């Protein structure tokens, strides 16, 4: 999940290549919601064995109430730090 800042605008999605997708959002190379609202900070993520599993989970989270998404983020990342800088260490 991406955010514009602590408790800011949120975006949920799924991808096959998280590091590259985050770079795309940070560089605003993809026009749309995240570029328009400056949603560039990776604040929460999960890995799945299959593309279908990741897609289902992303769809599920998109349907959640905002409060539930914030609780999910703050369980893993209570200070809302940008996890992109740590991502390579976490997936290696």
C-alpha atoms as a PDB file:
ATOM      1  CA  UNK A   1       0.000   0.000   0.000  1.00  0.00           C
ATOM      2  CA  UNK A   2       1.227   3.464  -0.830  1.00  0.00           C
ATOM      3  CA  UNK A   3       0.502   6.709   0.979  1.00  0.00           C
ATOM      4  CA  UNK A   4       1.045  10.404   0.394  1.00  0.00           C
ATOM      5  CA  UNK A   5       2.233  10.668   4.016  1.00  0.00           C
ATOM      6  CA  UNK A   6       1.181   9.547   7.489  1.00  0.00           C
ATOM      7  CA  UNK A   7      -2.585   8.935   7.422  1.00  0.00           C
ATOM      8  CA  UNK A   8      -2.709  10.639   4.032  1.00  0.00           C
ATOM      9  CA  UNK A   9      -4.150   9.497   0.729  1.00  0.00           C
ATOM     10  CA  UNK A  10      -3.881   5.711   0.288  1.00  0.00           C
ATOM     11  CA  UNK A  11      -3.488   3.447  -2.729  1.00  0.00           C
ATOM     12  CA  UNK A  12      -3.631  -0.361  -2.805  1.00  0.00           C
ATOM     13  CA  UNK A  13      -2.634  -2.590  -5.696  1.00  0.00           C
ATOM     14  CA  UNK A  14      -0.627  -5.631  -6.738  1.00  0.00           C
ATOM     15  CA  UNK A  15       2.390  -6.174  -8.969  1.00  0.00           C
ATOM     16  CA  UNK A  16       4.892  -8.797 -10.083  1.00  0.00           C
ATOM     17  CA  UNK A  17       7.828  -6.449  -9.467  1.00  0.00           C
ATOM     18  CA  UNK A  18       7.356  -4.307  -6.363  1.00  0.00           C
ATOM     19  CA  UNK A  19      10.694  -2.426  -6.438  1.00  0.00           C
ATOM     20  CA  UNK A  20      10.171  -1.363 -10.075  1.00  0.00           C
ATOM     21  CA  UNK A  21       6.540  -0.446  -9.525  1.00  0.00           C
ATOM     22  CA  UNK A  22       7.450   1.785  -6.574  1.00  0.00           C
ATOM     23  CA  UNK A  23      10.144   3.481  -8.667  1.00  0.00           C
ATOM     24  CA  UNK A  24       7.524   4.128 -11.359  1.00  0.00           C
ATOM     25  CA  UNK A  25       5.216   5.727  -8.800  1.00  0.00           C
ATOM     26  CA  UNK A  26       8.009   7.818  -7.285  1.00  0.00           C
ATOM     27  CA  UNK A  27       9.088   9.043 -10.730  1.00  0.00           C
ATOM     28  CA  UNK A  28       5.439   9.614 -11.688  1.00  0.00           C
ATOM     29  CA  UNK A  29       5.994   7.793 -14.977  1.00  0.00           C
ATOM     30  CA  UNK A  30       2.475   6.339 -14.784  1.00  0.00           C
ATOM     31  CA  UNK A  31      -0.226   8.974 -15.104  1.00  0.00           C
ATOM     32  CA  UNK A  32      -3.210   8.513 -12.849  1.00  0.00           C
ATOM     33  CA  UNK A  33      -4.260   8.522  -9.231  1.00  0.00           C
ATOM     34  CA  UNK A  34      -0.860   8.137  -7.551  1.00  0.00           C
ATOM     35  CA  UNK A  35       0.775  10.826  -9.677  1.00  0.00           C
ATOM     36  CA  UNK A  36      -2.149  13.217  -9.260  1.00  0.00           C
ATOM     37  CA  UNK A  37      -2.241  12.882  -5.460  1.00  0.00           C
ATOM     38  CA  UNK A  38       1.532  12.386  -4.885  1.00  0.00           C
ATOM     39  CA  UNK A  39       1.050   8.918  -3.414  1.00  0.00           C
ATOM     40  CA  UNK A  40       4.638   7.643  -3.508  1.00  0.00           C
ATOM     41  CA  UNK A  41       5.562   6.191  -0.096  1.00  0.00           C
ATOM     42  CA  UNK A  42       5.490   2.412   0.345  1.00  0.00           C
ATOM     43  CA  UNK A  43       3.984   1.982   3.818  1.00  0.00           C
ATOM     44  CA  UNK A  44       2.808  -1.662   3.790  1.00  0.00           C
ATOM     45  CA  UNK A  45       3.182  -4.782   1.655  1.00  0.00           C
ATOM     46  CA  UNK A  46       2.749  -8.546   1.596  1.00  0.00           C
ATOM     47  CA  UNK A  47       4.209 -11.192  -0.699  1.00  0.00           C
ATOM     48  CA  UNK A  48       2.199 -14.007  -2.281  1.00  0.00           C
ATOM     49  CA  UNK A  49       3.243 -17.202  -4.030  1.00  0.00           C
ATOM     50  CA  UNK A  50       0.892 -16.607  -6.945  1.00  0.00           C
ATOM     51  CA  UNK A  51      -0.196 -13.626  -8.997  1.00  0.00           C
ATOM     52  CA  UNK A  52      -3.819 -14.636  -8.440  1.00  0.00           C
ATOM     53  CA  UNK A  53      -3.379 -14.638  -4.653  1.00  0.00           C
ATOM     54  CA  UNK A  54      -1.815 -11.182  -4.716  1.00  0.00           C
ATOM     55  CA  UNK A  55      -4.528  -9.842  -7.012  1.00  0.00           C
ATOM     56  CA  UNK A  56      -7.319 -11.226  -4.783  1.00  0.00           C
ATOM     57  CA  UNK A  57      -5.747  -9.697  -1.679  1.00  0.00           C
ATOM     58  CA  UNK A  58      -5.290  -6.337  -3.416  1.00  0.00           C
ATOM     59  CA  UNK A  59      -8.935  -6.361  -4.474  1.00  0.00           C
ATOM     60  CA  UNK A  60     -10.014  -7.284  -0.944  1.00  0.00           C
ATOM     61  CA  UNK A  61      -8.056  -4.408   0.596  1.00  0.00           C
ATOM     62  CA  UNK A  62      -9.385  -1.927  -1.977  1.00  0.00           C
ATOM     63  CA  UNK A  63     -12.885  -2.708  -0.682  1.00  0.00           C
ATOM     64  CA  UNK A  64     -11.953  -2.124   2.965  1.00  0.00           C
ATOM     65  CA  UNK A  65     -12.901   0.922   4.969  1.00  0.00           C
ATOM     66  CA  UNK A  66     -10.132   3.488   5.307  1.00  0.00           C
ATOM     67  CA  UNK A  67      -9.889   2.870   9.062  1.00  0.00           C
ATOM     68  CA  UNK A  68      -9.144  -0.827   8.468  1.00  0.00           C
ATOM     69  CA  UNK A  69      -6.377   0.043   6.005  1.00  0.00           C
ATOM     70  CA  UNK A  70      -4.801   2.446   8.505  1.00  0.00           C
ATOM     71  CA  UNK A  71      -4.936  -0.223  11.234  1.00  0.00           C
ATOM     72  CA  UNK A  72      -3.267  -2.720   8.877  1.00  0.00           C
ATOM     73  CA  UNK A  73      -0.491  -0.250   8.033  1.00  0.00           C
ATOM     74  CA  UNK A  74       0.098   0.756  11.646  1.00  0.00           C
ATOM     75  CA  UNK A  75       0.378  -2.892  12.740  1.00  0.00           C
ATOM     76  CA  UNK A  76       3.448  -3.303  10.498  1.00  0.00           C
ATOM     77  CA  UNK A  77       4.626   0.295  10.258  1.00  0.00           C
ATOM     78  CA  UNK A  78       3.411   2.436  13.186  1.00  0.00           C
ATOM     79  CA  UNK A  79       5.472   5.503  12.213  1.00  0.00           C
ATOM     80  CA  UNK A  80       4.552   5.331   8.518  1.00  0.00           C
ATOM     81  CA  UNK A  81       8.171   5.249   7.295  1.00  0.00           C
ATOM     82  CA  UNK A  82       8.761   4.737   3.579  1.00  0.00           C
ATOM     83  CA  UNK A  83       9.620   1.029   3.316  1.00  0.00           C
ATOM     84  CA  UNK A  84      11.011   1.371  -0.195  1.00  0.00           C
ATOM     85  CA  UNK A  85      14.500   2.077   1.148  1.00  0.00           C
ATOM     86  CA  UNK A  86      14.360  -1.195   3.120  1.00  0.00           C
ATOM     87  CA  UNK A  87      12.671  -3.234   0.413  1.00  0.00           C
ATOM     88  CA  UNK A  88      15.814  -4.680  -1.168  1.00  0.00           C
ATOM     89  CA  UNK A  89      17.026  -5.923   2.230  1.00  0.00           C
ATOM     90  CA  UNK A  90      13.634  -7.440   2.981  1.00  0.00           C
ATOM     91  CA  UNK A  91      13.332  -9.359  -0.289  1.00  0.00           C
ATOM     92  CA  UNK A  92      16.949 -10.506  -0.576  1.00  0.00           C
END
